[in-house]
Every structure is written in C-alpha cells, then in structure tokens.
C-alpha cells in the first residue's frame, strides 16, 4: 500500500492561518499554534464586535436626539412618545442626522409634533 504524505495540505492550512494572523504581535504571526489560537480569538471578538456596533450607534443617535430636543425644551422620551402618537415614522438614525446636519428642519419637525398636544 502506498503511503500518503500530507505535507502539501498541512502547509496550505498553515499558510492560510498565518495569512490571517498577519500583523499580529510577537510569535502570534510566526508560529502556527499561536497564530491559530489568536485567529480563533479574533473571530470571536469580531462576532461580538458586530453586535456591539449596533448598540453603540443606537446609543449615539439617542444621545444626539436628546441633546437636540433638550435645547428645544423637551425630553427625549417625551419627544419619541409624541412622534408615535402623531404616527410619524422616522427612525432615530435619520432624526439624529437631521438634528446634527439640518437643525432648522429638525426644529420644524419638532414644532409639528409638539404644537398639537
């Protein structure tokens, strides 16, 4: 029976992992075992980071909205409640962008919501 040598496949697998670990610190980009471990951890952090990013942006939008609405004399929660009561469906991302880039338009939206209590 012929002996199967797997050196080519092993080298290919090692090269793939070491390529992913490029730029890592100390032996983590040179030694396969360390690189493999580092790449696995990096994958876990990347996964949780993608979830974290969504939370962080939502917090940012809410903070920006709260600041803009407080300048006009209302609280964020009251403003959102009024939007829902008026059935105005603009999400927080767009509202915060309008508040930062176009304060006059945001003021008109605010007046539309708060005038007819």
C-alpha atoms as a PDB file:
ATOM      1  CA  UNK A   1       0.000   0.000   0.000  1.00  0.00           C
ATOM      2  CA  UNK A   2       1.208   3.482  -0.876  1.00  0.00           C
ATOM      3  CA  UNK A   3       1.976   5.881   1.934  1.00  0.00           C
ATOM      4  CA  UNK A   4       0.061   9.180   1.753  1.00  0.00           C
ATOM      5  CA  UNK A   5       2.134  12.195   2.588  1.00  0.00           C
ATOM      6  CA  UNK A   6       0.039  15.158   3.723  1.00  0.00           C
ATOM      7  CA  UNK A   7       2.785  17.774   3.810  1.00  0.00           C
ATOM      8  CA  UNK A   8       1.257  19.799   0.998  1.00  0.00           C
ATOM      9  CA  UNK A   9      -2.158  20.031   2.679  1.00  0.00           C
ATOM     10  CA  UNK A  10      -0.651  20.829   6.074  1.00  0.00           C
ATOM     11  CA  UNK A  11       1.497  23.567   4.601  1.00  0.00           C
ATOM     12  CA  UNK A  12      -1.514  25.010   2.797  1.00  0.00           C
ATOM     13  CA  UNK A  13      -3.547  25.054   6.022  1.00  0.00           C
ATOM     14  CA  UNK A  14      -0.666  26.648   7.941  1.00  0.00           C
ATOM     15  CA  UNK A  15      -0.194  29.295   5.248  1.00  0.00           C
ATOM     16  CA  UNK A  16      -3.897  30.136   5.379  1.00  0.00           C
ATOM     17  CA  UNK A  17      -3.873  30.646   9.158  1.00  0.00           C
ATOM     18  CA  UNK A  18      -0.598  32.588   9.129  1.00  0.00           C
ATOM     19  CA  UNK A  19      -2.005  34.872   6.436  1.00  0.00           C
ATOM     20  CA  UNK A  20      -4.998  35.617   8.674  1.00  0.00           C
ATOM     21  CA  UNK A  21      -2.617  36.326  11.579  1.00  0.00           C
ATOM     22  CA  UNK A  22      -0.561  38.807   9.577  1.00  0.00           C
ATOM     23  CA  UNK A  23       0.259  41.873  11.644  1.00  0.00           C
ATOM     24  CA  UNK A  24      -0.263  40.155  14.995  1.00  0.00           C
ATOM     25  CA  UNK A  25       2.220  40.742  17.772  1.00  0.00           C
ATOM     26  CA  UNK A  26       5.321  38.689  18.659  1.00  0.00           C
ATOM     27  CA  UNK A  27       5.039  34.949  17.899  1.00  0.00           C
ATOM     28  CA  UNK A  28       1.346  35.181  17.055  1.00  0.00           C
ATOM     29  CA  UNK A  29       2.159  35.907  13.429  1.00  0.00           C
ATOM     30  CA  UNK A  30       5.043  33.432  13.106  1.00  0.00           C
ATOM     31  CA  UNK A  31       4.195  30.213  14.932  1.00  0.00           C
ATOM     32  CA  UNK A  32       1.251  28.192  13.672  1.00  0.00           C
ATOM     33  CA  UNK A  33      -0.080  27.090  17.080  1.00  0.00           C
ATOM     34  CA  UNK A  34      -0.051  30.601  18.494  1.00  0.00           C
ATOM     35  CA  UNK A  35      -1.400  32.072  15.262  1.00  0.00           C
ATOM     36  CA  UNK A  36      -4.274  29.586  15.161  1.00  0.00           C
ATOM     37  CA  UNK A  37      -5.255  30.465  18.730  1.00  0.00           C
ATOM     38  CA  UNK A  38      -5.030  34.194  18.006  1.00  0.00           C
ATOM     39  CA  UNK A  39      -7.136  33.890  14.848  1.00  0.00           C
ATOM     40  CA  UNK A  40      -9.828  31.943  16.732  1.00  0.00           C
ATOM     41  CA  UNK A  41      -9.998  34.601  19.438  1.00  0.00           C
ATOM     42  CA  UNK A  42     -10.035  37.370  16.840  1.00  0.00           C
ATOM     43  CA  UNK A  43     -13.015  35.707  15.184  1.00  0.00           C
ATOM     44  CA  UNK A  44     -14.913  35.663  18.476  1.00  0.00           C
ATOM     45  CA  UNK A  45     -14.147  39.321  19.106  1.00  0.00           C
ATOM     46  CA  UNK A  46     -15.172  40.229  15.563  1.00  0.00           C
ATOM     47  CA  UNK A  47     -18.516  38.458  16.009  1.00  0.00           C
ATOM     48  CA  UNK A  48     -19.307  40.182  19.290  1.00  0.00           C
ATOM     49  CA  UNK A  49     -17.994  43.468  17.863  1.00  0.00           C
ATOM     50  CA  UNK A  50     -20.543  43.389  15.061  1.00  0.00           C
ATOM     51  CA  UNK A  51     -23.323  43.089  17.651  1.00  0.00           C
ATOM     52  CA  UNK A  52     -21.733  45.755  19.856  1.00  0.00           C
ATOM     53  CA  UNK A  53     -21.530  48.201  16.932  1.00  0.00           C
ATOM     54  CA  UNK A  54     -25.311  48.210  16.556  1.00  0.00           C
ATOM     55  CA  UNK A  55     -25.769  49.002  20.251  1.00  0.00           C
ATOM     56  CA  UNK A  56     -23.162  51.747  20.213  1.00  0.00           C
ATOM     57  CA  UNK A  57     -24.663  53.525  17.214  1.00  0.00           C
ATOM     58  CA  UNK A  58     -28.166  53.404  18.682  1.00  0.00           C
ATOM     59  CA  UNK A  59     -26.818  54.956  21.901  1.00  0.00           C
ATOM     60  CA  UNK A  60     -25.107  57.680  19.867  1.00  0.00           C
ATOM     61  CA  UNK A  61     -28.295  58.507  17.954  1.00  0.00           C
ATOM     62  CA  UNK A  62     -30.332  58.675  21.161  1.00  0.00           C
ATOM     63  CA  UNK A  63     -27.743  60.941  22.824  1.00  0.00           C
ATOM     64  CA  UNK A  64     -27.719  63.287  19.837  1.00  0.00           C
ATOM     65  CA  UNK A  65     -31.514  63.405  19.742  1.00  0.00           C
ATOM     66  CA  UNK A  66     -31.728  64.025  23.471  1.00  0.00           C
ATOM     67  CA  UNK A  67     -29.318  66.958  23.195  1.00  0.00           C
ATOM     68  CA  UNK A  68     -31.199  68.476  20.256  1.00  0.00           C
ATOM     69  CA  UNK A  69     -34.612  68.040  21.884  1.00  0.00           C
ATOM     70  CA  UNK A  70     -33.491  69.414  25.267  1.00  0.00           C
ATOM     71  CA  UNK A  71     -32.338  72.602  23.536  1.00  0.00           C
ATOM     72  CA  UNK A  72     -35.941  72.979  22.392  1.00  0.00           C
ATOM     73  CA  UNK A  73     -37.271  72.394  25.910  1.00  0.00           C
ATOM     74  CA  UNK A  74     -38.399  68.758  25.978  1.00  0.00           C
ATOM     75  CA  UNK A  75     -37.024  65.368  26.983  1.00  0.00           C
ATOM     76  CA  UNK A  76     -36.092  62.611  24.548  1.00  0.00           C
ATOM     77  CA  UNK A  77     -38.663  60.136  25.845  1.00  0.00           C
ATOM     78  CA  UNK A  78     -41.474  62.694  25.606  1.00  0.00           C
ATOM     79  CA  UNK A  79     -40.421  63.582  22.056  1.00  0.00           C
ATOM     80  CA  UNK A  80     -40.429  59.924  20.956  1.00  0.00           C
ATOM     81  CA  UNK A  81     -43.845  59.411  22.581  1.00  0.00           C
ATOM     82  CA  UNK A  82     -45.239  62.400  20.686  1.00  0.00           C
ATOM     83  CA  UNK A  83     -43.791  61.088  17.415  1.00  0.00           C
ATOM     84  CA  UNK A  84     -45.524  57.756  17.974  1.00  0.00           C
ATOM     85  CA  UNK A  85     -48.807  59.444  18.906  1.00  0.00           C
ATOM     86  CA  UNK A  86     -48.703  61.502  15.683  1.00  0.00           C
ATOM     87  CA  UNK A  87     -47.787  58.328  13.743  1.00  0.00           C
ATOM     88  CA  UNK A  88     -44.639  59.939  12.362  1.00  0.00           C
ATOM     89  CA  UNK A  89     -42.335  57.055  11.485  1.00  0.00           C
ATOM     90  CA  UNK A  90     -38.814  58.431  11.200  1.00  0.00           C
ATOM     91  CA  UNK A  91     -36.174  56.264  12.800  1.00  0.00           C
ATOM     92  CA  UNK A  92     -33.639  57.530  15.318  1.00  0.00           C
ATOM     93  CA  UNK A  93     -30.745  57.352  12.859  1.00  0.00           C
ATOM     94  CA  UNK A  94     -32.391  59.724  10.382  1.00  0.00           C
ATOM     95  CA  UNK A  95     -33.707  62.027  13.120  1.00  0.00           C
ATOM     96  CA  UNK A  96     -30.270  62.390  14.705  1.00  0.00           C
ATOM     97  CA  UNK A  97     -28.691  63.023  11.313  1.00  0.00           C
ATOM     98  CA  UNK A  98     -31.255  65.744  10.605  1.00  0.00           C
ATOM     99  CA  UNK A  99     -30.706  67.231  14.078  1.00  0.00           C
ATOM    100  CA  UNK A 100     -26.949  67.463  13.523  1.00  0.00           C
ATOM    101  CA  UNK A 101     -26.796  68.488   9.865  1.00  0.00           C
ATOM    102  CA  UNK A 102     -30.051  70.441   9.391  1.00  0.00           C
ATOM    103  CA  UNK A 103     -31.154  71.982  12.712  1.00  0.00           C
ATOM    104  CA  UNK A 104     -33.797  74.199  11.040  1.00  0.00           C
ATOM    105  CA  UNK A 105     -35.568  71.202   9.518  1.00  0.00           C
ATOM    106  CA  UNK A 106     -35.355  69.359  12.841  1.00  0.00           C
ATOM    107  CA  UNK A 107     -36.933  72.362  14.534  1.00  0.00           C
ATOM    108  CA  UNK A 108     -39.837  72.204  12.055  1.00  0.00           C
ATOM    109  CA  UNK A 109     -40.317  68.501  12.785  1.00  0.00           C
ATOM    110  CA  UNK A 110     -40.242  69.299  16.496  1.00  0.00           C
ATOM    111  CA  UNK A 111     -42.844  72.046  16.089  1.00  0.00           C
ATOM    112  CA  UNK A 112     -45.077  69.753  14.013  1.00  0.00           C
ATOM    113  CA  UNK A 113     -45.015  67.203  16.813  1.00  0.00           C
ATOM    114  CA  UNK A 114     -45.277  69.464  19.848  1.00  0.00           C
ATOM    115  CA  UNK A 115     -47.787  72.106  18.649  1.00  0.00           C
ATOM    116  CA  UNK A 116     -50.901  69.944  18.692  1.00  0.00           C
ATOM    117  CA  UNK A 117     -50.611  68.210  22.066  1.00  0.00           C
END
